Protein backbone atom coordinates (compact mmCIF):
# COMPACT_ATOMS: atom_id res chain seq x y z
CA MET A 1 21.73 10.28 16.84
CA ASN A 2 20.35 13.65 17.76
CA TYR A 3 17.21 14.05 15.69
CA ALA A 4 14.50 16.46 16.79
CA ILE A 5 10.97 16.07 15.46
CA GLU A 6 8.86 19.20 15.85
CA ARG A 7 5.39 18.18 16.97
CA GLY A 8 2.53 20.14 15.47
CA SER A 9 4.64 21.28 12.53
CA ARG A 10 3.02 21.52 9.11
CA VAL A 11 5.98 19.49 7.81
CA PRO A 12 5.23 15.76 8.22
CA ALA A 13 7.33 13.96 10.82
CA TYR A 14 8.73 11.52 8.25
CA PHE A 15 9.93 14.41 6.10
CA GLN A 16 11.58 16.15 9.05
CA LEU A 17 13.42 12.91 9.82
CA TYR A 18 14.33 12.39 6.16
CA ARG A 19 15.90 15.85 5.96
CA GLN A 20 18.01 15.32 9.08
CA ILE A 21 19.24 11.88 7.99
CA ARG A 22 20.03 13.26 4.53
CA GLU A 23 22.14 16.04 6.07
CA ASN A 24 24.08 13.44 8.05
CA ILE A 25 24.70 11.45 4.87
CA LEU A 26 25.87 14.55 3.02
CA SER A 27 28.19 15.54 5.86
CA GLY A 28 29.69 12.04 6.07
CA ALA A 29 28.28 11.22 9.50
CA TYR A 30 26.84 8.16 7.77
CA PRO A 31 29.68 7.14 5.41
CA PHE A 32 29.43 5.34 2.10
CA ARG A 33 28.42 1.70 2.68
CA GLY A 34 27.62 2.53 6.29
CA ARG A 35 24.56 0.92 7.83
CA LEU A 36 21.72 3.05 9.14
CA PRO A 37 20.04 2.19 12.45
CA SER A 38 17.19 -0.27 12.16
CA LYS A 39 13.68 1.14 11.92
CA ARG A 40 12.93 0.08 15.47
CA VAL A 41 16.07 1.67 16.89
CA MET A 42 15.50 4.88 14.95
CA ALA A 43 11.87 5.00 16.08
CA ALA A 44 12.84 4.52 19.72
CA GLU A 45 15.53 7.20 19.53
CA THR A 46 13.33 9.80 17.83
CA GLY A 47 10.01 9.04 19.51
CA VAL A 48 8.14 8.36 16.26
CA SER A 49 6.52 5.23 14.89
CA THR A 50 8.35 2.64 12.82
CA ILE A 51 5.98 3.52 9.97
CA THR A 52 7.26 7.12 10.09
CA VAL A 53 10.86 5.90 9.97
CA GLU A 54 10.00 3.54 7.11
CA HIS A 55 8.54 6.43 5.09
CA ALA A 56 11.68 8.51 5.70
CA TYR A 57 13.89 5.60 4.61
CA GLU A 58 11.72 5.01 1.51
CA GLN A 59 12.19 8.64 0.46
CA LEU A 60 15.96 8.33 0.91
CA CYS A 61 15.89 5.13 -1.17
CA ALA A 62 13.85 6.83 -3.90
CA GLU A 63 16.39 9.64 -4.13
CA GLY A 64 19.42 7.34 -4.25
CA TYR A 65 20.97 8.12 -0.86
CA ILE A 66 20.47 4.65 0.63
CA GLU A 67 19.37 1.20 -0.44
CA SER A 68 17.49 -1.58 1.31
CA ARG A 69 19.09 -5.00 1.52
CA GLU A 70 16.86 -7.89 2.40
CA ARG A 71 17.36 -9.08 5.99
CA SER A 72 20.35 -6.77 6.38
CA GLY A 73 18.90 -3.28 6.70
CA TYR A 74 19.55 0.05 5.00
CA PHE A 75 22.97 1.09 3.68
CA VAL A 76 24.36 4.37 2.36
CA ILE A 77 25.10 4.36 -1.37
CA PHE A 78 25.77 8.10 -1.75
CA ARG A 79 29.35 9.31 -2.15
CA PRO A 80 30.17 13.05 -2.38
CA THR A 81 33.13 12.18 -4.60
CA ASP A 82 31.11 10.21 -7.16
CA GLY A 83 31.44 11.47 -10.70
CA PHE A 84 34.01 12.93 -13.08
CA ALA A 85 35.46 9.54 -13.90
CA SER A 86 37.44 9.16 -17.09
CA ALA A 87 35.61 8.26 -20.23
CA SER A 88 36.99 4.71 -20.03
CA ASP A 89 35.26 4.25 -16.67
CA ARG A 90 31.74 4.69 -18.03
CA GLU A 91 29.50 2.07 -16.57
CA ALA A 92 27.18 1.54 -19.50
CA SER A 93 26.39 2.69 -22.98
CA SER A 94 23.23 4.66 -23.58
CA ALA A 95 22.49 2.30 -26.46
CA ALA A 96 21.83 -0.45 -23.92
CA LEU A 97 19.43 1.60 -21.87
CA PRO A 98 15.76 0.62 -21.70
CA ARG A 99 13.33 2.76 -23.67
CA GLN A 100 10.49 3.68 -21.36
CA GLY A 101 7.75 6.17 -21.98
CA PRO A 102 5.87 8.25 -19.46
CA PRO A 103 3.94 6.43 -16.71
CA ALA A 104 1.39 4.02 -18.10
CA GLU A 105 -1.99 5.56 -18.87
CA GLU A 106 -3.60 2.63 -17.08
CA GLY A 107 -4.76 3.95 -13.74
CA PHE A 108 -4.16 7.55 -14.79
CA VAL A 109 -6.75 9.95 -13.42
CA PRO A 110 -7.68 12.91 -15.64
CA PHE A 111 -8.24 16.27 -13.97
CA PRO A 112 -11.94 16.46 -13.02
CA PHE A 113 -13.73 18.45 -15.71
CA SER A 114 -16.47 19.42 -13.27
CA VAL A 115 -13.91 21.06 -10.96
CA LEU A 116 -12.26 22.86 -13.85
CA ALA A 117 -15.59 24.10 -15.22
CA LYS A 118 -16.74 25.27 -11.78
CA THR A 119 -13.49 27.13 -11.26
CA MET A 120 -13.77 28.80 -14.65
CA ARG A 121 -17.29 29.98 -13.86
CA ARG A 122 -16.18 31.30 -10.48
CA VAL A 123 -13.31 33.24 -12.06
CA LEU A 124 -15.70 34.73 -14.61
CA ASP A 125 -18.11 35.78 -11.85
CA ASP A 126 -15.44 37.10 -9.47
CA ARG A 127 -13.07 38.71 -11.94
CA GLY A 128 -15.51 40.03 -14.49
CA GLU A 129 -13.88 42.29 -17.04
CA ASP A 130 -10.51 41.93 -15.30
CA ILE A 131 -9.94 38.83 -17.45
CA LEU A 132 -9.77 41.14 -20.47
CA LYS A 133 -6.92 43.16 -19.04
CA LYS A 134 -3.32 42.52 -19.99
CA SER A 135 -1.28 40.80 -17.29
CA SER A 136 2.20 41.91 -16.29
CA ASN A 137 4.91 40.73 -18.66
CA THR A 138 6.06 37.90 -16.40
CA GLY A 139 2.51 36.80 -15.58
CA CYS A 140 -0.33 37.77 -13.25
CA ALA A 141 0.82 38.40 -9.70
CA GLU A 142 -1.90 36.05 -8.38
CA CYS A 143 -0.70 33.16 -10.53
CA ARG A 144 2.97 33.66 -9.76
CA GLU A 145 2.28 33.93 -6.02
CA ALA A 146 0.17 30.75 -6.07
CA VAL A 147 2.93 28.86 -7.91
CA ALA A 148 5.52 30.15 -5.42
CA LYS A 149 3.46 28.85 -2.47
CA TYR A 150 2.90 25.52 -4.18
CA LEU A 151 6.61 25.05 -4.86
CA ALA A 152 7.48 25.88 -1.24
CA ARG A 153 4.96 23.32 0.05
CA ASN A 154 5.73 20.52 -2.36
CA ARG A 155 9.15 20.94 -3.95
CA GLY A 156 11.28 22.60 -1.29
CA ILE A 157 11.73 25.63 -3.57
CA ARG A 158 11.35 28.87 -1.62
CA VAL A 159 11.40 31.87 -3.90
CA GLY A 160 9.66 35.19 -4.34
CA ALA A 161 6.97 35.66 -6.98
CA GLU A 162 9.32 38.04 -8.81
CA GLN A 163 11.54 35.04 -9.69
CA ILE A 164 8.71 33.27 -11.52
CA VAL A 165 7.97 33.76 -15.22
CA ILE A 166 4.74 32.40 -16.74
CA GLY A 167 4.80 31.33 -20.40
CA SER A 168 2.88 29.25 -22.92
CA GLY A 169 4.60 25.90 -22.42
CA ALA A 170 8.10 24.57 -21.90
CA GLU A 171 9.24 25.06 -25.50
CA TYR A 172 8.47 28.78 -25.31
CA LEU A 173 10.41 29.05 -22.05
CA TYR A 174 13.43 27.24 -23.53
CA GLY A 175 13.55 29.98 -26.15
CA LEU A 176 13.50 32.67 -23.48
CA ILE A 177 16.37 30.93 -21.69
CA VAL A 178 18.49 31.09 -24.84
CA GLU A 179 17.64 34.78 -25.21
CA LEU A 180 18.60 35.34 -21.57
CA LEU A 181 21.84 33.34 -21.38
CA GLY A 182 23.00 34.01 -24.92
CA ARG A 183 23.39 32.29 -28.27
CA ASP A 184 27.17 32.27 -27.84
CA LYS A 185 26.85 29.65 -25.09
CA VAL A 186 27.21 25.90 -25.66
CA TYR A 187 24.22 23.91 -24.40
CA ALA A 188 24.70 20.32 -23.22
CA LEU A 189 21.71 17.97 -23.44
CA GLU A 190 20.97 14.43 -22.32
CA PHE A 191 21.11 11.79 -25.06
CA PRO A 192 18.63 10.41 -25.71
CA SER A 193 16.12 13.00 -24.54
CA TYR A 194 12.74 14.42 -25.50
CA GLU A 195 13.30 15.44 -29.11
CA LYS A 196 11.69 18.88 -28.82
CA ILE A 197 14.36 20.00 -26.36
CA GLU A 198 17.12 19.65 -28.94
CA GLN A 199 14.87 20.98 -31.69
CA VAL A 200 14.18 24.22 -29.81
CA TYR A 201 17.83 24.83 -28.99
CA ARG A 202 18.99 24.15 -32.54
CA ALA A 203 16.19 26.32 -33.95
CA SER A 204 17.51 29.10 -31.71
CA GLY A 205 20.88 28.84 -33.44
CA VAL A 206 22.96 27.60 -30.51
CA ARG A 207 25.61 24.87 -30.42
CA CYS A 208 24.54 21.67 -28.67
CA ARG A 209 26.51 18.85 -27.08
CA LEU A 210 24.69 15.53 -26.69
CA LEU A 211 25.84 13.69 -23.55
CA PRO A 212 25.07 9.95 -23.27
CA LEU A 213 23.01 8.72 -20.36
CA GLY A 214 24.13 5.93 -18.08
CA PRO A 215 21.99 4.06 -15.52
CA GLU A 216 22.07 6.95 -13.00
CA GLY A 217 22.15 9.97 -15.31
CA ILE A 218 24.63 11.59 -17.70
CA GLU A 219 27.86 9.59 -17.86
CA SER A 220 30.52 11.26 -15.73
CA GLY A 221 33.29 11.18 -18.33
CA ALA A 222 31.06 12.77 -20.95
CA LEU A 223 29.99 15.51 -18.57
CA ALA A 224 33.57 16.29 -17.54
CA GLN A 225 34.63 16.64 -21.19
CA ALA A 226 31.53 18.49 -22.38
CA CYS A 227 33.08 21.99 -22.75
CA ALA A 228 29.60 23.47 -22.31
CA ASP A 229 28.22 26.52 -20.52
CA VAL A 230 24.67 25.35 -19.87
CA LEU A 231 23.41 21.88 -18.93
CA HIS A 232 19.77 20.99 -19.65
CA VAL A 233 18.65 17.96 -17.64
CA THR A 234 15.43 16.13 -16.80
CA PRO A 235 16.46 14.54 -13.49
CA TYR A 236 13.13 12.75 -13.00
CA ARG A 237 12.26 10.02 -15.51
CA SER A 238 14.15 11.36 -18.48
CA TYR A 239 12.23 10.56 -21.66
CA PRO A 240 12.43 8.11 -23.42
CA THR A 241 14.74 6.08 -21.13
CA GLY A 242 12.80 6.60 -17.90
CA ILE A 243 16.06 7.20 -15.99
CA THR A 244 15.92 9.20 -12.77
CA ALA A 245 19.21 10.79 -11.74
CA SER A 246 20.58 9.37 -8.49
CA ALA A 247 21.44 11.58 -5.52
CA SER A 248 25.15 11.27 -6.32
CA LYS A 249 24.52 12.28 -9.93
CA ARG A 250 22.43 15.31 -8.98
CA HIS A 251 25.21 16.56 -6.73
CA GLU A 252 27.68 15.88 -9.54
CA TYR A 253 25.66 18.12 -11.86
CA LEU A 254 25.79 20.90 -9.27
CA ARG A 255 29.56 20.52 -8.79
CA TRP A 256 30.03 20.69 -12.57
CA ALA A 257 28.05 23.92 -12.76
CA ALA A 258 29.79 25.51 -9.76
CA ALA A 259 33.27 24.68 -11.09
CA GLY A 260 32.93 26.85 -14.19
CA ASP A 261 30.30 29.44 -13.29
CA ARG A 262 27.84 27.56 -15.51
CA PHE A 263 24.07 27.25 -15.44
CA ILE A 264 21.74 24.27 -15.21
CA VAL A 265 18.26 24.17 -16.74
CA GLU A 266 16.23 21.75 -14.62
CA ASP A 267 13.25 20.39 -16.55
CA ASP A 268 11.03 18.88 -13.85
CA PHE A 269 8.24 17.60 -16.11
CA GLU A 270 5.97 14.99 -14.53
CA SER A 271 7.85 14.78 -11.23
CA GLU A 272 4.60 15.40 -9.34
CA PHE A 273 3.55 11.86 -10.18
CA SER A 274 6.34 10.13 -8.29
CA VAL A 275 4.77 7.13 -6.58
CA THR A 276 7.32 6.90 -3.75
CA GLY A 277 6.12 9.57 -1.34
CA ARG A 278 7.27 13.09 -2.12
CA PRO A 279 8.81 13.87 -5.52
CA VAL A 280 12.59 13.60 -5.81
CA GLU A 281 14.41 16.67 -4.47
CA THR A 282 15.10 19.35 -7.04
CA LEU A 283 18.45 20.65 -8.18
CA PHE A 284 17.11 24.16 -7.61
CA ALA A 285 16.51 23.42 -3.91
CA LEU A 286 19.91 21.70 -3.55
CA ALA A 287 21.92 24.37 -5.36
CA GLY A 288 24.06 26.69 -3.28
CA GLN A 289 25.39 28.75 -6.18
CA ASP A 290 22.20 30.46 -7.45
CA ASN A 291 22.78 28.87 -10.85
CA VAL A 292 19.75 26.65 -11.58
CA ILE A 293 16.76 27.63 -13.73
CA TYR A 294 13.74 25.48 -12.87
CA VAL A 295 11.11 24.72 -15.56
CA ASN A 296 7.76 22.92 -15.28
CA THR A 297 4.33 22.94 -16.92
CA PHE A 298 0.67 22.08 -16.27
CA SER A 299 0.26 20.07 -19.48
CA LYS A 300 0.42 16.69 -17.71
CA THR A 301 -0.97 17.63 -14.32
CA ILE A 302 -4.10 19.31 -15.72
CA SER A 303 -4.35 18.89 -19.50
CA PRO A 304 -2.20 19.08 -22.66
CA ALA A 305 -4.67 21.73 -23.83
CA VAL A 306 -3.55 23.99 -20.98
CA ARG A 307 -0.51 25.54 -22.64
CA VAL A 308 0.90 27.06 -19.47
CA GLY A 309 4.40 26.60 -18.11
CA TYR A 310 6.58 28.48 -15.68
CA MET A 311 10.24 28.91 -14.92
CA VAL A 312 11.91 29.94 -11.69
CA LEU A 313 14.94 32.17 -12.13
CA PRO A 314 17.86 32.26 -9.70
CA LYS A 315 17.94 35.65 -7.99
CA ARG A 316 20.96 36.86 -9.93
CA LEU A 317 19.11 36.44 -13.24
CA VAL A 318 15.96 38.37 -12.29
CA ALA A 319 17.41 41.80 -13.11
CA PRO A 320 19.12 40.66 -16.36
CA PHE A 321 15.84 39.03 -17.45
CA CYS A 322 13.93 42.28 -16.88
CA GLU A 323 16.58 44.28 -18.74
CA LYS A 324 16.89 41.95 -21.73
CA LEU A 325 13.42 40.45 -22.03
CA GLY A 326 11.15 42.62 -19.93
CA PHE A 327 9.51 43.98 -23.08
CA TYR A 328 8.02 40.56 -23.95
CA SER A 329 4.30 40.35 -23.20
CA CYS A 330 3.12 37.34 -21.24
CA SER A 331 1.95 34.72 -23.75
CA VAL A 332 -0.75 33.23 -21.46
CA PRO A 333 -4.21 34.86 -21.23
CA ALA A 334 -5.05 36.37 -17.85
CA PHE A 335 -8.17 34.18 -17.60
CA GLU A 336 -6.16 30.96 -17.69
CA GLN A 337 -3.73 32.32 -15.11
CA TYR A 338 -6.56 33.27 -12.73
CA VAL A 339 -8.05 29.79 -13.14
CA LEU A 340 -4.72 28.13 -12.29
CA ALA A 341 -4.27 30.40 -9.28
CA GLU A 342 -7.74 29.39 -8.01
CA LEU A 343 -7.06 25.67 -8.52
CA ILE A 344 -3.82 25.93 -6.54
CA GLU A 345 -5.06 28.25 -3.78
CA ARG A 346 -8.22 26.21 -3.10
CA GLY A 347 -6.30 22.92 -3.00
CA ASP A 348 -7.99 21.34 -6.03
CA PHE A 349 -4.69 21.00 -7.88
CA GLU A 350 -2.90 19.19 -5.05
CA ARG A 351 -5.89 16.96 -4.34
CA HIS A 352 -5.78 15.87 -7.97
CA ILE A 353 -2.04 15.17 -7.77
CA ASN A 354 -2.63 12.98 -4.72
CA ARG A 355 -5.45 11.10 -6.50
CA VAL A 356 -3.17 10.35 -9.44
CA ARG A 357 -0.38 9.14 -7.15
CA ARG A 358 -2.74 6.76 -5.38
CA SER A 359 -4.01 5.49 -8.73
CA LEU A 360 -0.49 4.91 -10.06
CA ARG A 361 0.49 3.06 -6.88
CA ARG A 362 -2.48 0.73 -7.30
CA ALA A 363 -1.47 0.12 -10.92
CA LEU A 364 2.03 -0.98 -9.91
CA PRO A 365 2.75 -4.73 -9.80
CA LYS A 366 3.13 -6.10 -6.30
CA GLY A 367 6.51 -5.08 -4.91
CA GLY A 368 6.90 -2.49 -7.70
CA ALA A 369 7.04 0.58 -5.44
């Protein structure tokens, strides 16, 4: 082991360790079924506490790289070669999958109205008549910059503000994606999935392929035979099944896209409320081919009444977007964008996310994390 923990870094020690172990798993230094060092050994080697090592291991477990076996330790369950099995090798039928909704409302913490109202008043006082001005077509610079900083801090997505497009909700953004990538493309969707996803694509006049979900994500055989150009996935808690794609499956999606110069639409709805440390790593952050479009909204994290979403374009799509769709006006009022920017910049948004996570952890049955 040769892990270096940078003291005084803004990146938590457990997350630095998690990243380095993950790289060793991906490179094969820790092979499939291989056993990781015990928490005590790892702590002694790296100079951190066993609690720090435990948090790093928990994150790796949450993302499907390793698993904990009682009284035996932690073992690697990620294989780079997983996926693309024949249809006859499918592990399970989607018909047998559990139907789970979003996280239980019990223990859910609504965004503090007092904070929202105070922020709105501050924006009115500070911005004045600026809230009546039209924002740039992709959204106010302040809002896009705030979102970019938030994504870098919390989702491992490091992009420029010019790659971010603000729009009035996910459904609106799906329509822009079709306009951008083309109606001649075939769009593959998870089955079952949130019904509005399919509805928007079909309303846009495109051909859809419904790919059955297995326990770890889209079944490999179905994906290999999809004959699609674009894959729309919700890797975290796909609705209504509640399935989160495993690490192996996420890498399989990326290999599928890279093999045919295809695109992935990553719908990251609700991932902020992961109760196991940091949210699961994004396909956008993992991708090495500049071929993932990331989509998220504020409808769950703040309020369903806040009809604001955003998408992050890969660099190679920024210019085509401006050429094809640059004439579209931003569909979100400048006032709402300034309010969101304030909530993010002042830390109110992230404090709320952390409150909800703590509440959801308390609501879990003992041993449920």
